[in-house]
Amino acid sequence: MRQFVLKTRSRCNLACTYCYVYEMADQGWRDQPVAMAPATAARAAERIAEHAAAHDLPRVDLVLHGGEPLLTAPAALAAPVEAVRAALAATAPRTRITATVQTNGTLITRGRLAALAAAGIRVGVSLDGGLPAHNTRRVDHAGRPGFGAAARGLRLLARHPDSYAGVLCVVDLEHDPVETYESLLAFAPPTVGLLLPLANWTAPPPPGPRRRPGGTPYADWLLAVFERWWHDGTHRTRIRLFEEIIALLLGLPATTETLGLAPAATAVIETDGSIEQADSLKSAYEGAAATGMALDTHSFDQLLDHPGFAARQLGRDALAAGCRACELVGVCGGGHYPHRYRAGEGFRQPSVYCADLQVLIRHIATAVQHAATARPPAAAS
């Protein structure tokens, strides 16, 4: 286990219509305390340090999440990070920590940024594009748009590059891909995370405005962005999805759970101290992420033995037969685990985005091959 997601708040100031926490199958958030208590954060720190010491981890990644974590006062938000640092110093002094808060951006202020920077916490923002039209689904509980406040927060964050972790953006087929990408660049993100919508065989992804049988609309959308990014000599940002595919094509290890065959390495700690699997599983069915474990009674080593978690440690052996036989399996890895789910059959299916992933990976592989074999320009005589 290398990444620990702390749910410091279980409520949000926005009501995004597609949110996997609040608007999909799992409604467990309703039973959670609004905020993580200091005692829970302290116990989480002890468990994280215990795990780091047991496995001699060189680094742990801490993500403060929600809900909307910036609903918590900055000093209180930094407290769990400081608790983990103190616990690591006492128990696993060779383990270093990175800390990030993932926010919708609407509550970013100079004061919050200063407090987070002082605590060594970087800021990532979730947004659906850089224009108001891209963010019509990101509204508050009264139905009012959240984009204006988020844009103000992002412009402020862009003035503090040392604190800026990047932007996450869910692919929306209703919006032009290149326009979406270019509009995000206006906020100068160091990285852009392009995410496929959380969907599965029982709850398929939105088909988009130009649906055609046998089409690959998500690959088409992503490849329009890839072509603009790949041929942009200025390298204005990094795009995590494309870089991950390129790395896997070159035989490098995966650094994400959405691609490749690396074992799952993320634990989620809810506001009540319960230990869960990745939040994205909540898009499949009620209780999909639950483990029945809690900080007071279980270690993170015990989480590794949980059947649901263990299934995501098996790599190729956990995949459908067609995936195991596919030449792209080392890159695709069967796709993101939640995307494989089918009610009554579980997760041993190809990704609902299988066709899109094949087209995307093959196109990027061709681009990399051409770049590797291209002749350098002839020297001037």
Protein backbone atom coordinates (compact mmCIF):
# COMPACT_ATOMS: atom_id res chain seq x y z
CA MET A 1 0.00 0.00 0.00
CA ARG A 2 1.53 3.29 -1.07
CA GLN A 3 -1.35 5.76 -1.40
CA PHE A 4 -3.72 6.68 1.40
CA VAL A 5 -6.84 8.72 0.71
CA LEU A 6 -8.17 10.50 3.79
CA LYS A 7 -11.80 11.56 3.55
CA THR A 8 -11.54 14.64 5.72
CA ARG A 9 -15.09 15.71 4.77
CA SER A 10 -18.03 13.57 3.67
CA ARG A 11 -20.12 16.44 2.29
CA CYS A 12 -19.63 18.77 -0.66
CA ASN A 13 -20.66 22.32 -1.51
CA LEU A 14 -21.40 21.22 -5.09
CA ALA A 15 -23.93 18.70 -6.39
CA CYS A 16 -22.36 17.57 -9.67
CA THR A 17 -24.90 15.43 -11.49
CA TYR A 18 -22.43 12.65 -12.36
CA CYS A 19 -20.57 12.42 -9.02
CA TYR A 20 -19.60 8.82 -8.23
CA VAL A 21 -19.77 9.45 -4.48
CA TYR A 22 -23.17 11.14 -4.22
CA GLU A 23 -25.07 10.38 -7.43
CA MET A 24 -24.27 6.74 -8.26
CA ALA A 25 -25.14 3.33 -6.85
CA ASP A 26 -23.45 3.57 -3.45
CA GLN A 27 -25.11 6.01 -1.03
CA GLY A 28 -22.97 5.09 1.99
CA TRP A 29 -21.91 8.73 2.42
CA ARG A 30 -25.25 9.39 4.10
CA ASP A 31 -24.14 7.36 7.13
CA GLN A 32 -20.74 9.05 7.50
CA PRO A 33 -19.85 11.82 9.97
CA VAL A 34 -19.59 15.19 8.23
CA ALA A 35 -15.91 15.59 9.16
CA MET A 36 -13.04 13.35 10.26
CA ALA A 37 -12.40 13.75 13.99
CA PRO A 38 -8.84 14.55 15.18
CA ALA A 39 -8.69 11.21 17.00
CA THR A 40 -9.54 9.38 13.76
CA ALA A 41 -6.84 11.29 11.88
CA ALA A 42 -4.33 10.43 14.61
CA ARG A 43 -5.23 6.73 14.43
CA ALA A 44 -4.90 6.84 10.64
CA ALA A 45 -1.43 8.31 11.02
CA GLU A 46 -0.42 5.49 13.36
CA ARG A 47 -1.68 2.83 10.95
CA ILE A 48 0.03 4.44 7.96
CA ALA A 49 3.35 4.66 9.82
CA GLU A 50 2.95 1.06 11.02
CA HIS A 51 2.48 -0.09 7.42
CA ALA A 52 5.37 2.01 6.11
CA ALA A 53 7.71 0.59 8.75
CA ALA A 54 6.62 -3.01 8.14
CA HIS A 55 7.30 -2.74 4.41
CA ASP A 56 10.19 -0.27 4.53
CA LEU A 57 8.34 2.02 2.13
CA PRO A 58 10.51 4.77 0.64
CA ARG A 59 7.45 7.02 0.19
CA VAL A 60 3.76 7.26 0.97
CA ASP A 61 1.34 9.49 -0.90
CA LEU A 62 -1.38 11.13 1.16
CA VAL A 63 -4.47 12.53 -0.59
CA LEU A 64 -6.95 14.68 1.31
CA HIS A 65 -10.33 14.10 -0.26
CA GLY A 66 -14.05 14.46 0.28
CA GLY A 67 -16.66 15.59 -0.26
CA GLU A 68 -15.00 18.94 -0.50
CA PRO A 69 -11.96 18.98 1.80
CA LEU A 70 -11.61 22.77 1.70
CA LEU A 71 -14.82 23.03 3.72
CA THR A 72 -12.40 22.29 6.58
CA ALA A 73 -10.42 25.23 7.97
CA PRO A 74 -6.83 25.25 6.62
CA ALA A 75 -5.19 24.60 9.99
CA ALA A 76 -7.46 21.63 10.64
CA LEU A 77 -6.96 20.36 7.09
CA ALA A 78 -3.19 20.30 7.58
CA ALA A 79 -3.46 18.45 10.89
CA PRO A 80 -3.76 14.91 9.42
CA VAL A 81 -0.69 15.51 7.27
CA GLU A 82 1.30 16.73 10.25
CA ALA A 83 0.10 13.71 12.24
CA VAL A 84 1.34 11.34 9.53
CA ARG A 85 4.67 13.15 9.36
CA ALA A 86 5.11 12.87 13.12
CA ALA A 87 4.15 9.18 13.14
CA LEU A 88 6.54 8.41 10.28
CA ALA A 89 9.36 10.28 12.00
CA ALA A 90 8.88 8.10 15.08
CA THR A 91 8.22 4.75 13.40
CA ALA A 92 9.50 4.86 9.81
CA PRO A 93 12.00 7.74 9.60
CA ARG A 94 13.26 6.70 6.16
CA THR A 95 9.80 7.07 4.62
CA ARG A 96 9.05 10.41 3.04
CA ILE A 97 5.57 11.76 2.38
CA THR A 98 3.88 13.65 -0.42
CA ALA A 99 0.57 15.35 0.34
CA THR A 100 -2.13 16.62 -2.00
CA VAL A 101 -5.64 17.95 -1.53
CA GLN A 102 -8.16 17.28 -4.31
CA THR A 103 -10.75 20.04 -4.51
CA ASN A 104 -13.43 21.41 -6.81
CA GLY A 105 -11.59 24.73 -6.65
CA THR A 106 -14.50 26.90 -5.57
CA LEU A 107 -13.11 27.57 -2.09
CA ILE A 108 -9.50 28.34 -3.00
CA THR A 109 -8.32 31.60 -1.44
CA ARG A 110 -4.95 33.23 -0.86
CA GLY A 111 -5.18 32.36 2.82
CA ARG A 112 -5.95 28.71 2.17
CA LEU A 113 -3.16 28.41 -0.39
CA ALA A 114 -0.67 29.97 2.03
CA ALA A 115 -1.70 27.63 4.84
CA LEU A 116 -1.55 24.56 2.60
CA ALA A 117 1.83 25.57 1.18
CA ALA A 118 3.20 26.02 4.69
CA ALA A 119 2.13 22.45 5.44
CA GLY A 120 3.67 21.13 2.22
CA ILE A 121 0.30 20.24 0.70
CA ARG A 122 -0.14 20.66 -3.05
CA VAL A 123 -3.53 21.33 -4.65
CA GLY A 124 -5.27 19.41 -7.43
CA VAL A 125 -8.52 20.66 -8.95
CA SER A 126 -11.35 18.75 -10.62
CA LEU A 127 -12.95 20.57 -13.57
CA ASP A 128 -14.82 19.55 -16.73
CA GLY A 129 -13.12 22.04 -19.02
CA GLY A 130 -12.00 25.64 -19.02
CA LEU A 131 -15.24 27.24 -20.22
CA PRO A 132 -18.62 27.75 -18.51
CA ALA A 133 -20.32 25.58 -21.15
CA HIS A 134 -18.10 22.64 -20.18
CA ASN A 135 -19.20 22.77 -16.55
CA THR A 136 -23.00 22.87 -16.67
CA ARG A 137 -23.16 19.68 -14.58
CA ARG A 138 -21.03 21.20 -11.83
CA VAL A 139 -23.66 23.10 -9.86
CA ASP A 140 -24.28 23.84 -6.19
CA HIS A 141 -27.21 22.48 -4.19
CA ALA A 142 -29.43 25.32 -5.43
CA GLY A 143 -28.59 24.54 -9.05
CA ARG A 144 -26.29 27.54 -9.47
CA PRO A 145 -23.15 27.12 -11.60
CA GLY A 146 -19.90 26.50 -9.76
CA PHE A 147 -17.58 27.39 -12.63
CA GLY A 148 -17.08 31.07 -11.82
CA ALA A 149 -15.74 30.38 -8.34
CA ALA A 150 -13.65 27.45 -9.58
CA ALA A 151 -12.12 29.56 -12.35
CA ARG A 152 -11.19 32.28 -9.85
CA GLY A 153 -9.59 29.66 -7.63
CA LEU A 154 -7.64 28.16 -10.52
CA ARG A 155 -6.33 31.51 -11.69
CA LEU A 156 -5.11 32.12 -8.16
CA LEU A 157 -3.56 28.66 -7.95
CA ALA A 158 -1.77 29.20 -11.27
CA ARG A 159 0.15 32.05 -9.62
CA HIS A 160 1.57 29.53 -7.13
CA PRO A 161 3.13 26.83 -9.35
CA ASP A 162 4.90 25.15 -6.44
CA SER A 163 1.49 24.40 -4.93
CA TYR A 164 -0.21 23.37 -8.19
CA ALA A 165 -0.61 19.60 -8.60
CA GLY A 166 -2.78 19.69 -11.73
CA VAL A 167 -6.31 19.39 -13.08
CA LEU A 168 -8.55 16.33 -13.40
CA CYS A 169 -11.12 16.39 -16.22
CA VAL A 170 -13.77 13.78 -17.07
CA VAL A 171 -14.18 13.19 -20.81
CA ASP A 172 -17.50 14.57 -22.07
CA LEU A 173 -18.40 13.65 -25.65
CA GLU A 174 -20.80 16.58 -25.83
CA HIS A 175 -17.84 18.97 -25.85
CA ASP A 176 -15.20 19.47 -28.50
CA PRO A 177 -12.03 17.69 -27.34
CA VAL A 178 -9.48 20.19 -28.62
CA GLU A 179 -11.49 23.13 -27.31
CA THR A 180 -11.71 21.41 -23.93
CA TYR A 181 -7.96 20.79 -23.86
CA GLU A 182 -7.01 24.28 -25.00
CA SER A 183 -9.39 25.89 -22.52
CA LEU A 184 -7.78 23.98 -19.65
CA LEU A 185 -4.37 25.22 -20.74
CA ALA A 186 -5.55 28.75 -19.97
CA PHE A 187 -5.21 27.78 -16.29
CA ALA A 188 -1.58 26.65 -16.79
CA PRO A 189 -1.91 23.19 -15.19
CA PRO A 190 1.38 21.30 -14.82
CA THR A 191 -0.51 18.08 -15.51
CA VAL A 192 -3.93 17.21 -16.89
CA GLY A 193 -5.66 13.98 -15.91
CA LEU A 194 -8.21 12.96 -18.56
CA LEU A 195 -10.61 10.45 -17.03
CA LEU A 196 -13.07 8.15 -18.76
CA PRO A 197 -16.53 8.42 -17.17
CA LEU A 198 -17.15 5.85 -14.45
CA ALA A 199 -19.35 3.33 -16.25
CA ASN A 200 -19.69 -0.42 -16.69
CA TRP A 201 -21.61 -3.06 -18.66
CA THR A 202 -24.70 -2.61 -16.49
CA ALA A 203 -24.55 1.20 -16.50
CA PRO A 204 -22.90 2.00 -19.86
CA PRO A 205 -21.10 5.25 -20.62
CA PRO A 206 -22.94 8.09 -22.38
CA PRO A 207 -22.94 7.30 -26.12
CA GLY A 208 -22.30 10.87 -27.23
CA PRO A 209 -24.07 12.95 -29.87
CA ARG A 210 -22.84 11.01 -32.93
CA ARG A 211 -23.42 7.43 -31.90
CA ARG A 212 -22.66 4.83 -34.56
CA PRO A 213 -22.58 1.02 -34.33
CA GLY A 214 -19.10 -0.27 -33.69
CA GLY A 215 -17.76 3.21 -33.09
CA THR A 216 -15.10 4.20 -30.58
CA PRO A 217 -16.22 7.70 -29.56
CA TYR A 218 -14.03 7.91 -26.46
CA ALA A 219 -10.91 6.92 -28.37
CA ASP A 220 -11.80 9.44 -31.08
CA TRP A 221 -12.19 12.20 -28.47
CA LEU A 222 -8.95 11.34 -26.69
CA LEU A 223 -6.98 10.98 -29.91
CA ALA A 224 -8.01 14.45 -31.04
CA VAL A 225 -6.41 15.74 -27.84
CA PHE A 226 -3.42 13.42 -28.23
CA GLU A 227 -2.65 14.69 -31.71
CA ARG A 228 -2.74 18.30 -30.54
CA TRP A 229 -0.60 17.50 -27.49
CA TRP A 230 1.85 15.16 -29.27
CA HIS A 231 2.64 17.61 -32.06
CA ASP A 232 2.81 20.66 -29.81
CA GLY A 233 6.50 21.50 -29.66
CA THR A 234 6.05 23.75 -26.63
CA HIS A 235 5.00 20.92 -24.24
CA ARG A 236 2.61 23.18 -22.36
CA THR A 237 1.48 20.46 -19.96
CA ARG A 238 1.77 16.77 -19.20
CA ILE A 239 -1.21 14.49 -19.86
CA ARG A 240 -1.07 11.60 -17.46
CA LEU A 241 -3.11 9.11 -19.52
CA PHE A 242 -0.96 9.49 -22.61
CA GLU A 243 2.31 9.45 -20.70
CA GLU A 244 1.23 6.33 -18.84
CA ILE A 245 0.41 4.52 -22.08
CA ILE A 246 3.75 5.55 -23.59
CA ALA A 247 5.64 4.38 -20.50
CA LEU A 248 3.89 1.00 -20.54
CA LEU A 249 4.56 0.60 -24.27
CA LEU A 250 8.25 1.17 -23.49
CA GLY A 251 8.20 -1.49 -20.78
CA LEU A 252 8.25 0.82 -17.79
CA PRO A 253 6.18 -0.03 -14.70
CA ALA A 254 2.66 1.33 -14.25
CA THR A 255 2.15 4.17 -11.81
CA THR A 256 -1.66 4.14 -11.85
CA GLU A 257 -4.42 1.61 -11.21
CA THR A 258 -6.30 2.56 -14.39
CA LEU A 259 -3.86 0.88 -16.80
CA GLY A 260 -1.25 -1.86 -16.72
CA LEU A 261 -0.98 -4.89 -14.49
CA ALA A 262 0.47 -3.38 -11.33
CA PRO A 263 -1.34 -4.39 -8.12
CA ALA A 264 -3.76 -2.01 -6.45
CA ALA A 265 -1.98 0.16 -3.90
CA THR A 266 -4.61 2.63 -2.62
CA ALA A 267 -6.51 2.53 0.66
CA VAL A 268 -9.35 4.91 1.50
CA ILE A 269 -10.09 6.02 5.06
CA GLU A 270 -13.60 7.37 5.56
CA THR A 271 -14.50 10.10 8.05
CA ASP A 272 -15.65 7.48 10.58
CA GLY A 273 -12.35 5.58 10.39
CA SER A 274 -13.62 2.74 8.23
CA ILE A 275 -11.14 1.40 5.67
CA GLU A 276 -12.37 1.01 2.12
CA GLN A 277 -11.15 0.21 -1.35
CA ALA A 278 -10.95 2.84 -4.09
CA ASP A 279 -13.92 5.20 -4.29
CA SER A 280 -14.36 4.50 -7.99
CA LEU A 281 -15.81 1.08 -7.11
CA LYS A 282 -18.85 2.88 -5.71
CA SER A 283 -20.00 3.41 -9.28
CA ALA A 284 -20.69 -0.34 -9.58
CA TYR A 285 -23.09 -1.17 -6.75
CA GLU A 286 -23.96 -0.33 -3.15
CA GLY A 287 -21.15 -1.46 -0.85
CA ALA A 288 -18.67 -2.32 -3.62
CA ALA A 289 -15.85 -0.43 -1.91
CA ALA A 290 -16.68 -1.57 1.63
CA THR A 291 -14.40 -4.00 3.46
CA GLY A 292 -15.91 -4.25 6.94
CA MET A 293 -12.58 -3.03 8.31
CA ALA A 294 -11.75 -0.03 10.49
CA LEU A 295 -8.66 1.68 11.84
CA ASP A 296 -9.34 0.59 15.42
CA THR A 297 -9.52 -3.09 14.55
CA HIS A 298 -7.56 -3.69 11.35
CA SER A 299 -4.16 -2.97 9.85
CA PHE A 300 -3.50 -2.17 6.21
CA ASP A 301 -1.83 -5.57 5.87
CA GLN A 302 -5.21 -7.10 6.67
CA LEU A 303 -6.74 -5.00 3.89
CA LEU A 304 -4.33 -6.67 1.47
CA ASP A 305 -5.95 -10.00 2.38
CA HIS A 306 -9.51 -8.78 1.76
CA PRO A 307 -11.00 -10.78 -1.18
CA GLY A 308 -11.96 -7.66 -3.13
CA PHE A 309 -8.53 -6.14 -2.70
CA ALA A 310 -6.70 -9.42 -3.26
CA ALA A 311 -8.47 -9.82 -6.61
CA ARG A 312 -6.78 -6.61 -7.74
CA GLN A 313 -3.34 -7.94 -6.78
CA LEU A 314 -3.39 -10.85 -9.24
CA GLY A 315 -2.52 -8.97 -12.41
CA ARG A 316 -3.13 -10.99 -15.56
CA ASP A 317 -4.60 -13.94 -13.63
CA ALA A 318 -7.59 -11.84 -12.54
CA LEU A 319 -8.59 -10.89 -16.09
CA ALA A 320 -11.15 -12.31 -18.49
CA ALA A 321 -9.85 -14.96 -20.88
CA GLY A 322 -10.02 -12.60 -23.85
CA CYS A 323 -7.96 -10.02 -21.99
CA ARG A 324 -5.31 -12.55 -20.98
CA ALA A 325 -4.89 -13.53 -24.64
CA CYS A 326 -4.78 -9.95 -25.95
CA GLU A 327 -1.45 -8.57 -27.18
CA LEU A 328 -2.22 -5.25 -25.49
CA VAL A 329 -2.78 -6.70 -22.02
CA GLY A 330 0.52 -5.40 -20.66
CA VAL A 331 -0.55 -1.85 -21.44
CA CYS A 332 -4.31 -1.97 -21.02
CA GLY A 333 -4.26 -4.33 -18.05
CA GLY A 334 -7.93 -5.08 -18.66
CA GLY A 335 -8.81 -1.43 -18.17
CA HIS A 336 -9.84 0.37 -15.00
CA TYR A 337 -11.32 -2.19 -12.57
CA PRO A 338 -14.74 -0.49 -12.09
CA HIS A 339 -15.23 -0.34 -15.86
CA ARG A 340 -15.29 -4.16 -16.03
CA TYR A 341 -18.32 -4.73 -13.81
CA ARG A 342 -21.47 -6.52 -14.98
CA ALA A 343 -24.32 -7.16 -12.52
CA GLY A 344 -24.59 -10.86 -11.70
CA GLU A 345 -21.16 -11.63 -13.15
CA GLY A 346 -18.77 -9.36 -11.28
CA PHE A 347 -15.57 -7.77 -12.53
CA ARG A 348 -14.04 -10.56 -14.61
CA GLN A 349 -15.04 -8.92 -17.88
CA PRO A 350 -13.22 -6.78 -20.42
CA SER A 351 -13.53 -3.06 -19.86
CA VAL A 352 -16.73 -1.49 -21.15
CA TYR A 353 -14.23 0.78 -22.97
CA CYS A 354 -12.31 -2.16 -24.47
CA ALA A 355 -12.73 -1.11 -28.12
CA ASP A 356 -11.82 2.49 -27.30
CA LEU A 357 -8.73 1.45 -25.36
CA GLN A 358 -7.51 -0.74 -28.21
CA VAL A 359 -7.82 2.07 -30.74
CA LEU A 360 -6.20 4.57 -28.37
CA ILE A 361 -3.25 2.35 -27.44
CA ARG A 362 -2.55 1.24 -31.01
CA HIS A 363 -2.58 4.82 -32.28
CA ILE A 364 -0.20 5.99 -29.57
CA ALA A 365 2.05 2.97 -30.21
CA THR A 366 2.26 3.94 -33.88
CA ALA A 367 3.10 7.54 -32.97
CA VAL A 368 5.86 6.41 -30.62
CA GLN A 369 7.27 4.02 -33.22
CA HIS A 370 7.32 6.73 -35.88
CA ALA A 371 9.05 9.12 -33.48
CA ALA A 372 11.66 6.49 -32.61
CA THR A 373 12.46 5.69 -36.24
CA ALA A 374 12.23 9.18 -37.70
CA ARG A 375 15.49 10.35 -39.22
CA PRO A 376 17.05 13.37 -37.52
CA PRO A 377 17.18 16.46 -39.75
CA ALA A 378 20.28 16.59 -41.90
CA ALA A 379 23.00 18.90 -40.64
CA ALA A 380 23.48 22.08 -42.61
CA SER A 381 26.50 21.94 -44.90
